Protein backbone atom coordinates (compact mmCIF):
# COMPACT_ATOMS: atom_id res chain seq x y z
CA MET A 1 -10.09 -3.93 4.36
CA ILE A 2 -7.82 -6.64 5.72
CA PHE A 3 -4.22 -5.71 6.41
CA ARG A 4 -1.40 -8.23 6.34
CA ILE A 5 2.23 -7.66 7.21
CA ASP A 6 5.33 -9.73 6.59
CA PRO A 7 7.74 -9.16 9.48
CA THR A 8 10.45 -11.07 7.57
CA SER A 9 10.27 -8.72 4.59
CA GLY A 10 13.05 -6.22 4.03
CA GLU A 11 10.36 -3.58 3.50
CA PRO A 12 9.45 -1.60 6.64
CA ILE A 13 6.05 -2.40 8.14
CA TYR A 14 4.78 1.18 7.71
CA ALA A 15 5.60 0.97 3.99
CA GLN A 16 3.81 -2.38 3.71
CA LEU A 17 0.69 -0.84 5.27
CA ALA A 18 0.80 2.24 3.04
CA ASP A 19 1.28 0.07 -0.05
CA GLN A 20 -1.78 -1.99 0.84
CA VAL A 21 -3.95 1.11 1.14
CA ARG A 22 -2.63 2.55 -2.14
CA SER A 23 -3.31 -0.74 -3.91
CA ALA A 24 -6.81 -1.04 -2.48
CA VAL A 25 -7.64 2.51 -3.61
CA ALA A 26 -6.20 1.85 -7.08
CA ARG A 27 -8.25 -1.34 -7.44
CA GLY A 28 -11.40 0.43 -6.26
CA GLU A 29 -11.74 -1.78 -3.17
CA VAL A 30 -11.69 1.29 -0.92
CA ARG A 31 -13.65 4.30 -2.07
CA THR A 32 -13.50 8.01 -1.40
CA GLY A 33 -15.01 8.80 1.99
CA GLU A 34 -14.40 5.38 3.49
CA ARG A 35 -12.77 5.33 6.88
CA LEU A 36 -9.71 3.19 7.54
CA PRO A 37 -9.35 1.45 10.92
CA SER A 38 -8.12 3.72 13.68
CA ALA A 39 -4.37 3.65 14.13
CA ARG A 40 -4.80 2.19 17.60
CA GLU A 41 -7.16 -0.58 16.38
CA LEU A 42 -4.86 -1.51 13.51
CA ALA A 43 -1.73 -1.48 15.67
CA THR A 44 -3.43 -3.73 18.21
CA SER A 45 -4.78 -6.18 15.63
CA LEU A 46 -1.42 -6.47 13.86
CA GLU A 47 0.57 -6.40 17.10
CA VAL A 48 2.76 -3.53 15.92
CA ASN A 49 3.71 -0.21 17.47
CA LEU A 50 1.10 2.54 17.22
CA HIS A 51 3.70 4.89 15.75
CA THR A 52 4.32 2.45 12.89
CA VAL A 53 0.68 2.73 11.81
CA LEU A 54 0.69 6.49 12.34
CA HIS A 55 3.78 6.75 10.12
CA ALA A 56 1.96 4.87 7.33
CA TYR A 57 -1.14 7.06 7.69
CA GLN A 58 0.96 10.24 7.67
CA MET A 59 2.72 9.10 4.48
CA LEU A 60 -0.67 8.51 2.87
CA ARG A 61 -1.85 11.92 4.07
CA ASP A 62 1.22 13.60 2.57
CA GLU A 63 0.49 11.84 -0.75
CA GLY A 64 -3.14 12.98 -0.69
CA VAL A 65 -4.53 9.45 -0.45
CA VAL A 66 -6.14 9.97 2.96
CA GLU A 67 -7.17 12.86 5.14
CA LEU A 68 -6.54 12.59 8.86
CA ARG A 69 -9.48 13.94 10.81
CA ARG A 70 -9.51 14.38 14.56
CA GLY A 71 -12.05 12.00 16.02
CA ARG A 72 -12.76 10.32 12.65
CA GLY A 73 -9.34 8.87 11.85
CA ALA A 74 -8.05 8.32 8.35
CA VAL A 75 -10.57 8.89 5.57
CA VAL A 76 -9.82 8.03 1.94
CA THR A 77 -9.72 11.16 -0.23
CA GLY A 78 -8.51 9.65 -3.50
CA THR A 79 -10.57 10.03 -6.61
CA SER A 80 -12.04 7.11 -8.50
CA ALA A 81 -9.53 4.44 -9.39
CA PRO A 82 -7.77 4.95 -12.72
CA ASP A 83 -7.98 2.31 -15.42
CA LEU A 84 -4.98 0.12 -14.67
CA THR A 85 -5.55 -2.42 -17.45
CA ASP A 86 -2.35 -1.51 -19.31
CA LEU A 87 -0.34 -1.50 -16.10
CA HIS A 88 -1.67 -4.91 -15.07
CA ALA A 89 -0.72 -6.30 -18.49
CA ALA A 90 2.78 -4.84 -18.21
CA VAL A 91 3.23 -6.24 -14.70
CA SER A 92 2.05 -9.68 -15.85
CA ALA A 93 4.53 -9.57 -18.72
CA LEU A 94 7.31 -8.48 -16.34
CA ALA A 95 6.48 -11.32 -13.94
CA ALA A 96 6.48 -13.87 -16.78
CA THR A 97 9.85 -12.61 -18.03
CA ALA A 98 11.32 -12.65 -14.51
CA ARG A 99 10.13 -16.25 -13.99
CA ARG A 100 11.53 -17.31 -17.37
CA LEU A 101 14.91 -15.75 -16.54
CA ARG A 102 14.72 -17.05 -12.95
CA VAL A 103 15.25 -13.61 -11.47
CA ALA A 104 14.50 -13.35 -7.75
CA PRO A 105 11.38 -11.34 -6.82
CA GLU A 106 13.50 -9.03 -4.65
CA THR A 107 15.68 -8.20 -7.65
CA VAL A 108 12.65 -7.46 -9.81
CA THR A 109 11.20 -5.22 -7.10
CA THR A 110 14.48 -3.34 -6.80
CA LEU A 111 14.65 -2.84 -10.57
CA VAL A 112 11.08 -1.53 -10.71
CA LYS A 113 11.66 0.86 -7.80
CA GLU A 114 14.81 2.20 -9.49
CA ALA A 115 12.96 2.65 -12.77
CA LEU A 116 10.21 4.64 -11.03
CA ARG A 117 12.62 7.16 -9.52
């Protein structure tokens, strides 16, 4: 799994990392039992603080997405990916509507986050 961060984003780096893992699990790109990079390896490769990566991994642990094992690191515990066909269609429709109305992506993201609360 390749991690990418956007330091200019308003979203914290730990949240960006956690979102990428959640998305990869949901798409079936990362399967149950697979090991994520060690926090130290990932922090070094992304040139971020070790505690930033640990924060992301702890969030994922608290959500039940990964299990943190001493000596083995973060291991994916999620079940098989759900069928997200309907969700993908809804997101595509939302994106098309946002483009048609010329709504900024940040505004759309904020609206979706508020709707999910």
